[in-house]
Amino acid sequence: MDTQSIKLDLIQWLTELKDAEVLKQVQLIKENEDWWNQISDQEKEAIDYGLKELEEGKGIPHNVVMEETRKKYGL
């Protein structure tokens, strides 16, 4: 089934659907689009780079950064 056929099938199904809970779930899916698809390629590359550094043991744990920041700025 091609994309257009799937869309038409879903439209038909939704127009006939009477179950409010299923409709709410479909609406939630629509509203909760994956944030990954909404960020720029540059942001994705930065995230991937950070994850790679963490995998290689190059990252600094959040609590260490926060502790150093508090000491540095007297917080």
N, C-alpha and C. Protein backbone atom coordinates (compact mmCIF):
# COMPACT_ATOMS: atom_id res chain seq x y z
N MET A 1 0.85 -1.17 0.00
CA MET A 1 0.00 0.00 0.00
C MET A 1 0.90 1.24 0.00
N ASP A 2 0.68 2.15 -0.92
CA ASP A 2 1.50 3.35 -0.98
C ASP A 2 1.02 4.38 0.05
N THR A 3 1.81 5.42 0.22
CA THR A 3 1.53 6.44 1.23
C THR A 3 0.16 7.08 1.04
N GLN A 4 -0.17 7.42 -0.18
CA GLN A 4 -1.46 8.06 -0.46
C GLN A 4 -2.62 7.14 -0.08
N SER A 5 -2.51 5.88 -0.38
CA SER A 5 -3.56 4.92 -0.04
C SER A 5 -3.71 4.78 1.47
N ILE A 6 -2.59 4.78 2.17
CA ILE A 6 -2.63 4.69 3.63
C ILE A 6 -3.35 5.91 4.20
N LYS A 7 -3.01 7.08 3.70
CA LYS A 7 -3.65 8.31 4.18
C LYS A 7 -5.16 8.27 3.95
N LEU A 8 -5.56 7.88 2.76
CA LEU A 8 -6.99 7.81 2.45
C LEU A 8 -7.70 6.79 3.34
N ASP A 9 -7.05 5.67 3.58
CA ASP A 9 -7.62 4.64 4.45
C ASP A 9 -7.79 5.17 5.87
N LEU A 10 -6.78 5.89 6.36
CA LEU A 10 -6.87 6.46 7.70
C LEU A 10 -7.94 7.54 7.80
N ILE A 11 -8.05 8.37 6.78
CA ILE A 11 -9.10 9.39 6.76
C ILE A 11 -10.47 8.74 6.83
N GLN A 12 -10.68 7.74 6.03
CA GLN A 12 -11.95 7.02 6.03
C GLN A 12 -12.24 6.43 7.41
N TRP A 13 -11.24 5.79 7.99
CA TRP A 13 -11.39 5.17 9.30
C TRP A 13 -11.70 6.21 10.38
N LEU A 14 -10.97 7.35 10.35
CA LEU A 14 -11.19 8.39 11.35
C LEU A 14 -12.58 9.01 11.24
N THR A 15 -13.06 9.21 10.03
CA THR A 15 -14.39 9.83 9.87
C THR A 15 -15.50 8.93 10.38
N GLU A 16 -15.28 7.64 10.41
CA GLU A 16 -16.30 6.71 10.88
C GLU A 16 -16.11 6.32 12.34
N LEU A 17 -14.99 6.70 12.93
CA LEU A 17 -14.65 6.29 14.29
C LEU A 17 -15.54 6.98 15.31
N LYS A 18 -16.05 6.21 16.26
CA LYS A 18 -16.92 6.76 17.29
C LYS A 18 -16.30 6.65 18.69
N ASP A 19 -15.23 5.93 18.84
CA ASP A 19 -14.58 5.72 20.13
C ASP A 19 -13.76 6.97 20.50
N ALA A 20 -14.25 7.71 21.50
CA ALA A 20 -13.60 8.96 21.90
C ALA A 20 -12.18 8.74 22.41
N GLU A 21 -11.94 7.63 23.09
CA GLU A 21 -10.60 7.35 23.61
C GLU A 21 -9.59 7.14 22.49
N VAL A 22 -10.00 6.44 21.47
CA VAL A 22 -9.10 6.22 20.32
C VAL A 22 -8.82 7.55 19.63
N LEU A 23 -9.85 8.38 19.49
CA LEU A 23 -9.67 9.69 18.88
C LEU A 23 -8.70 10.55 19.70
N LYS A 24 -8.82 10.49 21.02
CA LYS A 24 -7.90 11.24 21.88
C LYS A 24 -6.47 10.76 21.71
N GLN A 25 -6.30 9.45 21.59
CA GLN A 25 -4.95 8.90 21.40
C GLN A 25 -4.36 9.33 20.06
N VAL A 26 -5.18 9.34 19.03
CA VAL A 26 -4.71 9.79 17.71
C VAL A 26 -4.32 11.26 17.78
N GLN A 27 -5.12 12.05 18.49
CA GLN A 27 -4.81 13.47 18.64
C GLN A 27 -3.50 13.67 19.40
N LEU A 28 -3.27 12.88 20.44
CA LEU A 28 -2.01 12.97 21.18
C LEU A 28 -0.81 12.65 20.30
N ILE A 29 -0.96 11.65 19.47
CA ILE A 29 0.12 11.30 18.53
C ILE A 29 0.41 12.47 17.62
N LYS A 30 -0.64 13.09 17.12
CA LYS A 30 -0.50 14.24 16.22
C LYS A 30 0.20 15.40 16.92
N GLU A 31 -0.18 15.67 18.16
CA GLU A 31 0.35 16.82 18.89
C GLU A 31 1.77 16.59 19.40
N ASN A 32 2.14 15.37 19.64
CA ASN A 32 3.45 15.07 20.21
C ASN A 32 4.46 14.66 19.16
N GLU A 33 4.58 15.47 18.14
CA GLU A 33 5.56 15.19 17.09
C GLU A 33 6.95 15.17 17.71
N ASP A 34 7.76 14.27 17.26
CA ASP A 34 9.10 14.09 17.80
C ASP A 34 9.92 15.37 17.67
N TRP A 35 10.45 15.87 18.79
CA TRP A 35 11.22 17.11 18.79
C TRP A 35 12.47 16.98 17.91
N TRP A 36 12.97 15.77 17.74
CA TRP A 36 14.17 15.57 16.92
C TRP A 36 13.93 16.06 15.50
N ASN A 37 12.70 15.91 15.02
CA ASN A 37 12.38 16.34 13.66
C ASN A 37 12.19 17.85 13.55
N GLN A 38 12.17 18.53 14.68
CA GLN A 38 11.93 19.97 14.68
C GLN A 38 13.20 20.80 14.89
N ILE A 39 14.32 20.14 15.17
CA ILE A 39 15.55 20.89 15.39
C ILE A 39 16.40 20.90 14.12
N SER A 40 17.34 21.84 14.08
CA SER A 40 18.18 21.99 12.88
C SER A 40 19.22 20.87 12.80
N ASP A 41 19.80 20.74 11.61
CA ASP A 41 20.87 19.76 11.41
C ASP A 41 22.07 20.09 12.31
N GLN A 42 22.34 21.38 12.49
CA GLN A 42 23.45 21.80 13.35
C GLN A 42 23.20 21.35 14.80
N GLU A 43 21.97 21.49 15.27
CA GLU A 43 21.64 21.04 16.63
C GLU A 43 21.77 19.53 16.76
N LYS A 44 21.33 18.81 15.73
CA LYS A 44 21.44 17.35 15.75
C LYS A 44 22.90 16.92 15.80
N GLU A 45 23.75 17.60 15.01
CA GLU A 45 25.17 17.28 15.00
C GLU A 45 25.80 17.54 16.37
N ALA A 46 25.41 18.63 17.02
CA ALA A 46 25.95 18.95 18.34
C ALA A 46 25.54 17.90 19.37
N ILE A 47 24.31 17.45 19.30
CA ILE A 47 23.84 16.40 20.21
C ILE A 47 24.59 15.10 19.96
N ASP A 48 24.72 14.73 18.69
CA ASP A 48 25.44 13.50 18.35
C ASP A 48 26.90 13.58 18.82
N TYR A 49 27.52 14.75 18.65
CA TYR A 49 28.90 14.94 19.08
C TYR A 49 29.01 14.76 20.60
N GLY A 50 28.08 15.36 21.33
CA GLY A 50 28.07 15.24 22.78
C GLY A 50 27.88 13.80 23.23
N LEU A 51 26.99 13.08 22.58
CA LEU A 51 26.76 11.68 22.93
C LEU A 51 28.01 10.84 22.66
N LYS A 52 28.69 11.14 21.55
CA LYS A 52 29.92 10.42 21.22
C LYS A 52 30.99 10.66 22.28
N GLU A 53 31.11 11.92 22.72
CA GLU A 53 32.08 12.24 23.77
C GLU A 53 31.76 11.48 25.06
N LEU A 54 30.49 11.41 25.39
CA LEU A 54 30.10 10.67 26.60
C LEU A 54 30.46 9.20 26.50
N GLU A 55 30.21 8.62 25.33
CA GLU A 55 30.54 7.21 25.11
C GLU A 55 32.04 6.96 25.25
N GLU A 56 32.83 7.97 24.90
CA GLU A 56 34.29 7.84 24.97
C GLU A 56 34.83 8.24 26.34
N GLY A 57 33.93 8.54 27.27
CA GLY A 57 34.35 8.91 28.63
C GLY A 57 34.89 10.32 28.75
N LYS A 58 34.59 11.17 27.79
CA LYS A 58 35.12 12.53 27.79
C LYS A 58 34.19 13.54 28.46
N GLY A 59 33.01 13.12 28.82
CA GLY A 59 32.04 14.04 29.40
C GLY A 59 32.31 14.36 30.86
N ILE A 60 31.77 15.48 31.30
CA ILE A 60 31.85 15.86 32.71
C ILE A 60 30.44 15.74 33.28
N PRO A 61 30.28 14.97 34.35
CA PRO A 61 28.95 14.80 34.93
C PRO A 61 28.32 16.13 35.35
N HIS A 62 27.02 16.23 35.22
CA HIS A 62 26.28 17.44 35.53
C HIS A 62 26.56 17.93 36.95
N ASN A 63 26.56 17.01 37.91
CA ASN A 63 26.77 17.42 39.30
C ASN A 63 28.16 18.04 39.51
N VAL A 64 29.16 17.58 38.78
CA VAL A 64 30.50 18.14 38.88
C VAL A 64 30.52 19.56 38.31
N VAL A 65 29.90 19.75 37.17
CA VAL A 65 29.82 21.08 36.55
C VAL A 65 29.09 22.03 37.49
N MET A 66 27.97 21.58 38.06
CA MET A 66 27.20 22.44 38.96
C MET A 66 28.01 22.80 40.21
N GLU A 67 28.72 21.85 40.76
CA GLU A 67 29.54 22.10 41.96
C GLU A 67 30.63 23.12 41.66
N GLU A 68 31.31 22.97 40.52
CA GLU A 68 32.36 23.91 40.14
C GLU A 68 31.78 25.30 39.89
N THR A 69 30.61 25.36 39.28
CA THR A 69 29.97 26.64 39.01
C THR A 69 29.58 27.33 40.31
N ARG A 70 29.03 26.58 41.25
CA ARG A 70 28.65 27.15 42.55
C ARG A 70 29.87 27.71 43.28
N LYS A 71 30.97 26.97 43.25
CA LYS A 71 32.20 27.42 43.91
C LYS A 71 32.73 28.68 43.23
N LYS A 72 32.75 28.66 41.91
CA LYS A 72 33.31 29.78 41.15
C LYS A 72 32.53 31.06 41.38
N TYR A 73 31.20 30.96 41.43
CA TYR A 73 30.35 32.14 41.53
C TYR A 73 29.76 32.34 42.92
N GLY A 74 30.19 31.54 43.89
CA GLY A 74 29.72 31.69 45.26
C GLY A 74 28.23 31.48 45.43
N LEU A 75 27.71 30.53 44.72
CA LEU A 75 26.26 30.26 44.80
C LEU A 75 25.94 29.22 45.83
